[in-house]
């Protein structure tokens, strides 16, 4: 599975962005789709996930501000980010996890930079 992110950029605090992650295969065949982020000097952290069954998970730091959406028709997963804060500044990565025949496969996009600054 190839993943291509887009939508990053510079935004002022309180602003919004929508990240997109286009998958090369049907997202319906992917068990878990997620967004991670890595700020400078910090470890990569999970931001949001959505399973094939529609269950969602959000990190406490983004609950109520970010929304993950899976669009099966477009084979794309989105991360809508509202009320952005400077601490949201990071490279955001799309992730796909597939389980087949007892084997787990992880796929990553190249990342897109989000900078929240006035």
N, C-alpha and C. Protein backbone atom coordinates (compact mmCIF):
# COMPACT_ATOMS: atom_id res chain seq x y z
N UNK A 1 0.85 -1.18 0.00
CA UNK A 1 0.00 0.00 0.00
C UNK A 1 0.90 1.25 0.00
N UNK A 2 0.66 2.13 -0.94
CA UNK A 2 1.38 3.41 -0.96
C UNK A 2 0.47 4.50 -0.45
N UNK A 3 1.04 5.36 0.38
CA UNK A 3 0.27 6.44 1.00
C UNK A 3 0.92 7.77 0.66
N UNK A 4 0.12 8.72 0.22
CA UNK A 4 0.63 10.04 -0.14
C UNK A 4 -0.17 11.10 0.62
N UNK A 5 0.53 11.82 1.49
CA UNK A 5 -0.12 12.86 2.28
C UNK A 5 -0.04 14.21 1.56
N UNK A 6 -0.97 15.06 1.91
CA UNK A 6 -0.97 16.44 1.43
C UNK A 6 -1.78 17.29 2.40
N UNK A 7 -1.64 18.61 2.24
CA UNK A 7 -2.47 19.51 3.04
C UNK A 7 -1.75 20.23 4.16
N UNK A 8 -0.49 19.92 4.38
CA UNK A 8 0.24 20.61 5.43
C UNK A 8 0.55 22.05 5.03
N UNK A 9 1.04 22.81 6.00
CA UNK A 9 1.40 24.18 5.71
C UNK A 9 1.51 25.00 6.98
N UNK A 10 1.57 26.31 6.77
CA UNK A 10 1.67 27.25 7.89
C UNK A 10 0.29 27.82 8.20
N UNK A 11 -0.07 27.81 9.46
CA UNK A 11 -1.37 28.32 9.88
C UNK A 11 -1.20 29.04 11.22
N UNK A 12 -2.03 30.04 11.44
CA UNK A 12 -1.96 30.79 12.70
C UNK A 12 -2.66 30.02 13.82
N UNK A 13 -2.26 30.25 15.05
CA UNK A 13 -2.96 29.62 16.17
C UNK A 13 -4.46 29.92 16.10
N UNK A 14 -5.25 28.89 16.38
CA UNK A 14 -6.70 29.01 16.28
C UNK A 14 -7.24 28.68 14.90
N UNK A 15 -6.36 28.52 13.95
CA UNK A 15 -6.78 28.21 12.58
C UNK A 15 -7.04 26.73 12.37
N UNK A 16 -7.23 26.36 11.09
CA UNK A 16 -7.54 24.97 10.79
C UNK A 16 -6.83 24.54 9.52
N UNK A 17 -6.66 23.23 9.41
CA UNK A 17 -6.11 22.59 8.22
C UNK A 17 -6.78 21.24 8.06
N UNK A 18 -6.81 20.75 6.84
CA UNK A 18 -7.27 19.40 6.59
C UNK A 18 -6.16 18.65 5.87
N UNK A 19 -5.67 17.61 6.48
CA UNK A 19 -4.69 16.75 5.85
C UNK A 19 -5.38 15.63 5.10
N UNK A 20 -4.80 15.26 3.97
CA UNK A 20 -5.33 14.16 3.18
C UNK A 20 -4.27 13.08 3.01
N UNK A 21 -4.71 11.85 2.96
CA UNK A 21 -3.81 10.72 2.73
C UNK A 21 -4.48 9.81 1.70
N UNK A 22 -3.93 9.82 0.50
CA UNK A 22 -4.48 9.00 -0.57
C UNK A 22 -3.76 7.66 -0.59
N UNK A 23 -4.55 6.59 -0.59
CA UNK A 23 -4.00 5.24 -0.59
C UNK A 23 -4.06 4.65 -2.00
N UNK A 24 -3.09 3.79 -2.30
CA UNK A 24 -3.03 3.18 -3.64
C UNK A 24 -3.99 2.00 -3.76
N UNK A 25 -4.54 1.56 -2.63
CA UNK A 25 -5.49 0.47 -2.64
C UNK A 25 -6.75 0.87 -1.89
N UNK A 26 -7.75 0.06 -2.03
CA UNK A 26 -9.01 0.36 -1.35
C UNK A 26 -8.81 0.44 0.16
N UNK A 27 -9.25 1.55 0.74
CA UNK A 27 -9.11 1.69 2.19
C UNK A 27 -10.01 0.71 2.92
N UNK A 28 -10.98 0.17 2.22
CA UNK A 28 -11.85 -0.83 2.83
C UNK A 28 -11.10 -2.12 3.15
N UNK A 29 -9.96 -2.32 2.46
CA UNK A 29 -9.16 -3.53 2.69
C UNK A 29 -8.11 -3.34 3.77
N UNK A 30 -8.07 -2.14 4.33
CA UNK A 30 -7.08 -1.80 5.35
C UNK A 30 -7.76 -1.84 6.72
N UNK A 31 -7.13 -2.53 7.66
CA UNK A 31 -7.75 -2.73 8.97
C UNK A 31 -7.77 -1.46 9.82
N UNK A 32 -6.64 -0.75 9.82
CA UNK A 32 -6.54 0.46 10.63
C UNK A 32 -5.85 1.55 9.82
N UNK A 33 -6.43 2.72 9.82
CA UNK A 33 -5.82 3.91 9.22
C UNK A 33 -5.58 4.92 10.33
N UNK A 34 -4.43 5.55 10.29
CA UNK A 34 -4.14 6.48 11.37
C UNK A 34 -3.23 7.62 10.95
N UNK A 35 -3.18 8.59 11.81
CA UNK A 35 -2.28 9.74 11.67
C UNK A 35 -1.37 9.79 12.89
N UNK A 36 -0.09 9.92 12.63
CA UNK A 36 0.91 10.11 13.67
C UNK A 36 1.57 11.46 13.42
N UNK A 37 2.27 11.95 14.43
CA UNK A 37 3.04 13.17 14.24
C UNK A 37 4.34 13.07 15.03
N UNK A 38 5.31 13.82 14.52
CA UNK A 38 6.61 13.87 15.18
C UNK A 38 7.10 15.31 15.19
N UNK A 39 7.18 15.86 16.37
CA UNK A 39 7.72 17.20 16.53
C UNK A 39 9.24 17.12 16.64
N UNK A 40 9.89 18.23 16.39
CA UNK A 40 11.35 18.27 16.44
C UNK A 40 11.85 17.84 17.82
N UNK A 41 12.75 16.87 17.83
CA UNK A 41 13.35 16.42 19.08
C UNK A 41 12.48 15.50 19.90
N UNK A 42 11.33 15.11 19.36
CA UNK A 42 10.41 14.25 20.12
C UNK A 42 10.13 12.96 19.36
N UNK A 43 9.57 12.00 20.09
CA UNK A 43 9.22 10.74 19.46
C UNK A 43 7.92 10.87 18.68
N UNK A 44 7.78 10.01 17.70
CA UNK A 44 6.54 9.97 16.94
C UNK A 44 5.41 9.51 17.85
N UNK A 45 4.27 10.17 17.73
CA UNK A 45 3.13 9.82 18.58
C UNK A 45 1.87 9.64 17.74
N UNK A 46 1.00 8.79 18.24
CA UNK A 46 -0.28 8.56 17.58
C UNK A 46 -1.22 9.72 17.86
N UNK A 47 -1.83 10.22 16.81
CA UNK A 47 -2.77 11.33 16.94
C UNK A 47 -4.21 10.83 16.85
N UNK A 48 -4.51 10.04 15.82
CA UNK A 48 -5.87 9.55 15.63
C UNK A 48 -5.84 8.29 14.78
N UNK A 49 -6.83 7.42 15.02
CA UNK A 49 -6.96 6.19 14.26
C UNK A 49 -8.41 5.91 13.97
N UNK A 50 -8.65 5.19 12.88
CA UNK A 50 -9.98 4.71 12.58
C UNK A 50 -9.86 3.28 12.05
N UNK A 51 -10.68 2.39 12.57
CA UNK A 51 -10.62 1.00 12.14
C UNK A 51 -11.58 0.76 10.98
N UNK A 52 -11.46 -0.41 10.38
CA UNK A 52 -12.35 -0.77 9.28
C UNK A 52 -13.80 -0.85 9.75
N UNK A 53 -13.98 -1.07 11.05
CA UNK A 53 -15.32 -1.12 11.60
C UNK A 53 -15.86 0.25 11.99
N UNK A 54 -15.02 1.27 11.84
CA UNK A 54 -15.47 2.64 12.12
C UNK A 54 -15.14 3.16 13.51
N UNK A 55 -14.46 2.37 14.32
CA UNK A 55 -14.08 2.83 15.65
C UNK A 55 -12.97 3.86 15.54
N UNK A 56 -13.09 4.90 16.35
CA UNK A 56 -12.12 5.98 16.30
C UNK A 56 -11.39 6.11 17.64
N UNK A 57 -10.15 6.56 17.52
CA UNK A 57 -9.33 6.83 18.70
C UNK A 57 -8.64 8.18 18.49
N UNK A 58 -8.59 8.96 19.57
CA UNK A 58 -7.88 10.24 19.51
C UNK A 58 -6.98 10.38 20.73
N UNK A 59 -5.82 10.94 20.52
CA UNK A 59 -4.96 11.28 21.64
C UNK A 59 -5.65 12.36 22.46
N UNK A 60 -5.41 12.35 23.75
CA UNK A 60 -6.06 13.32 24.63
C UNK A 60 -5.78 14.76 24.20
N UNK A 61 -4.59 14.98 23.70
CA UNK A 61 -4.19 16.35 23.33
C UNK A 61 -4.96 16.92 22.15
N UNK A 62 -5.65 16.07 21.38
CA UNK A 62 -6.36 16.56 20.20
C UNK A 62 -7.87 16.30 20.26
N UNK A 63 -8.33 15.63 21.30
CA UNK A 63 -9.76 15.33 21.41
C UNK A 63 -10.58 16.60 21.37
N UNK A 64 -11.63 16.56 20.58
CA UNK A 64 -12.50 17.72 20.46
C UNK A 64 -12.03 18.73 19.43
N UNK A 65 -10.82 18.57 18.94
CA UNK A 65 -10.28 19.51 17.95
C UNK A 65 -10.01 18.84 16.60
N UNK A 66 -9.59 17.59 16.62
CA UNK A 66 -9.26 16.87 15.40
C UNK A 66 -10.31 15.81 15.12
N UNK A 67 -10.53 15.54 13.83
CA UNK A 67 -11.46 14.49 13.42
C UNK A 67 -10.84 13.69 12.28
N UNK A 68 -10.87 12.38 12.42
CA UNK A 68 -10.38 11.51 11.35
C UNK A 68 -11.58 10.97 10.57
N UNK A 69 -11.44 11.00 9.25
CA UNK A 69 -12.54 10.57 8.39
C UNK A 69 -11.98 9.67 7.29
N UNK A 70 -12.64 8.56 7.07
CA UNK A 70 -12.23 7.64 6.01
C UNK A 70 -13.25 7.72 4.88
N UNK A 71 -12.78 8.01 3.67
CA UNK A 71 -13.64 8.10 2.50
C UNK A 71 -13.33 6.91 1.59
N UNK A 72 -14.16 5.89 1.66
CA UNK A 72 -13.91 4.68 0.88
C UNK A 72 -14.03 4.93 -0.62
N UNK A 73 -14.89 5.84 -1.00
CA UNK A 73 -15.10 6.11 -2.43
C UNK A 73 -13.85 6.73 -3.06
N UNK A 74 -13.09 7.48 -2.26
CA UNK A 74 -11.89 8.15 -2.78
C UNK A 74 -10.60 7.48 -2.31
N UNK A 75 -10.74 6.40 -1.55
CA UNK A 75 -9.55 5.71 -1.00
C UNK A 75 -8.64 6.69 -0.28
N UNK A 76 -9.25 7.52 0.52
CA UNK A 76 -8.52 8.60 1.19
C UNK A 76 -8.96 8.67 2.66
N UNK A 77 -7.99 9.00 3.51
CA UNK A 77 -8.31 9.28 4.90
C UNK A 77 -7.89 10.72 5.19
N UNK A 78 -8.74 11.42 5.90
CA UNK A 78 -8.51 12.83 6.19
C UNK A 78 -8.30 13.03 7.69
N UNK A 79 -7.58 14.10 7.99
CA UNK A 79 -7.48 14.56 9.37
C UNK A 79 -7.87 16.03 9.38
N UNK A 80 -9.05 16.31 9.88
CA UNK A 80 -9.51 17.68 10.01
C UNK A 80 -8.99 18.21 11.34
N UNK A 81 -8.23 19.28 11.27
CA UNK A 81 -7.60 19.84 12.48
C UNK A 81 -8.12 21.25 12.69
N UNK A 82 -8.83 21.45 13.78
CA UNK A 82 -9.39 22.76 14.13
C UNK A 82 -8.73 23.29 15.40
N UNK A 83 -8.89 24.57 15.62
CA UNK A 83 -8.35 25.21 16.83
C UNK A 83 -6.89 24.84 17.06
N UNK A 84 -6.12 25.00 16.02
CA UNK A 84 -4.72 24.57 16.08
C UNK A 84 -3.92 25.40 17.08
N UNK A 85 -2.97 24.71 17.71
CA UNK A 85 -2.11 25.33 18.71
C UNK A 85 -0.65 25.20 18.26
N UNK A 86 0.21 26.07 18.76
CA UNK A 86 1.63 25.95 18.40
C UNK A 86 2.20 24.55 18.70
N UNK A 87 1.70 23.92 19.74
CA UNK A 87 2.21 22.59 20.08
C UNK A 87 1.75 21.49 19.12
N UNK A 88 0.89 21.84 18.18
CA UNK A 88 0.51 20.89 17.12
C UNK A 88 1.52 20.88 15.99
N UNK A 89 2.48 21.78 16.05
CA UNK A 89 3.52 21.84 15.01
C UNK A 89 4.31 20.53 14.98
N UNK A 90 4.35 19.91 13.81
CA UNK A 90 5.02 18.62 13.66
C UNK A 90 4.94 18.16 12.21
N UNK A 91 5.69 17.12 11.91
CA UNK A 91 5.48 16.41 10.65
C UNK A 91 4.42 15.34 10.92
N UNK A 92 3.40 15.35 10.10
CA UNK A 92 2.30 14.41 10.26
C UNK A 92 2.43 13.29 9.23
N UNK A 93 2.30 12.06 9.73
CA UNK A 93 2.45 10.88 8.89
C UNK A 93 1.16 10.07 8.87
N UNK A 94 0.83 9.60 7.69
CA UNK A 94 -0.29 8.70 7.53
C UNK A 94 0.21 7.26 7.70
N UNK A 95 -0.61 6.44 8.33
CA UNK A 95 -0.24 5.05 8.59
C UNK A 95 -1.38 4.12 8.25
N UNK A 96 -1.04 2.98 7.66
CA UNK A 96 -2.04 1.95 7.36
C UNK A 96 -1.54 0.62 7.91
N UNK A 97 -2.44 -0.10 8.55
CA UNK A 97 -2.11 -1.41 9.10
C UNK A 97 -3.05 -2.45 8.52
N UNK A 98 -2.47 -3.51 8.04
CA UNK A 98 -3.27 -4.58 7.46
C UNK A 98 -2.88 -5.91 8.12
N UNK A 99 -3.87 -6.69 8.48
CA UNK A 99 -3.65 -8.02 9.03
C UNK A 99 -4.12 -9.05 8.01
N UNK A 100 -3.20 -9.92 7.60
CA UNK A 100 -3.56 -10.97 6.65
C UNK A 100 -2.85 -12.24 7.04
N UNK A 101 -3.59 -13.32 7.17
CA UNK A 101 -3.03 -14.64 7.47
C UNK A 101 -2.11 -14.58 8.69
N UNK A 102 -2.54 -13.84 9.69
CA UNK A 102 -1.78 -13.75 10.92
C UNK A 102 -0.58 -12.84 10.88
N UNK A 103 -0.40 -12.15 9.78
CA UNK A 103 0.76 -11.27 9.65
C UNK A 103 0.30 -9.82 9.63
N UNK A 104 1.04 -8.99 10.36
CA UNK A 104 0.74 -7.56 10.39
C UNK A 104 1.69 -6.83 9.46
N UNK A 105 1.13 -5.96 8.61
CA UNK A 105 1.94 -5.14 7.73
C UNK A 105 1.64 -3.67 7.99
N UNK A 106 2.72 -2.89 8.13
CA UNK A 106 2.63 -1.45 8.39
C UNK A 106 3.08 -0.68 7.18
N UNK A 107 2.34 0.36 6.84
CA UNK A 107 2.70 1.21 5.71
C UNK A 107 2.68 2.66 6.16
N UNK A 108 3.63 3.45 5.62
CA UNK A 108 3.75 4.86 6.01
C UNK A 108 3.84 5.76 4.81
N UNK A 109 3.29 6.95 4.98
CA UNK A 109 3.47 7.98 3.98
C UNK A 109 4.77 8.72 4.24
N UNK A 110 5.06 9.71 3.40
CA UNK A 110 6.33 10.44 3.49
C UNK A 110 6.27 11.57 4.50
N UNK A 111 5.09 11.94 4.94
CA UNK A 111 4.93 13.00 5.93
C UNK A 111 4.64 14.34 5.30
N UNK A 112 3.90 15.15 6.05
CA UNK A 112 3.62 16.51 5.62
C UNK A 112 3.77 17.43 6.84
N UNK A 113 4.43 18.56 6.64
CA UNK A 113 4.76 19.45 7.75
C UNK A 113 3.61 20.40 8.04
N UNK A 114 3.26 20.47 9.31
CA UNK A 114 2.27 21.43 9.80
C UNK A 114 2.98 22.36 10.77
N UNK A 115 2.89 23.65 10.50
CA UNK A 115 3.51 24.65 11.37
C UNK A 115 2.42 25.61 11.84
N UNK A 116 2.28 25.69 13.16
CA UNK A 116 1.28 26.58 13.74
C UNK A 116 2.03 27.73 14.43
N UNK A 117 1.92 28.89 13.84
CA UNK A 117 2.70 30.02 14.35
C UNK A 117 2.08 31.33 13.88
N UNK A 118 2.23 32.34 14.71
CA UNK A 118 1.76 33.67 14.33
C UNK A 118 2.89 34.47 13.69
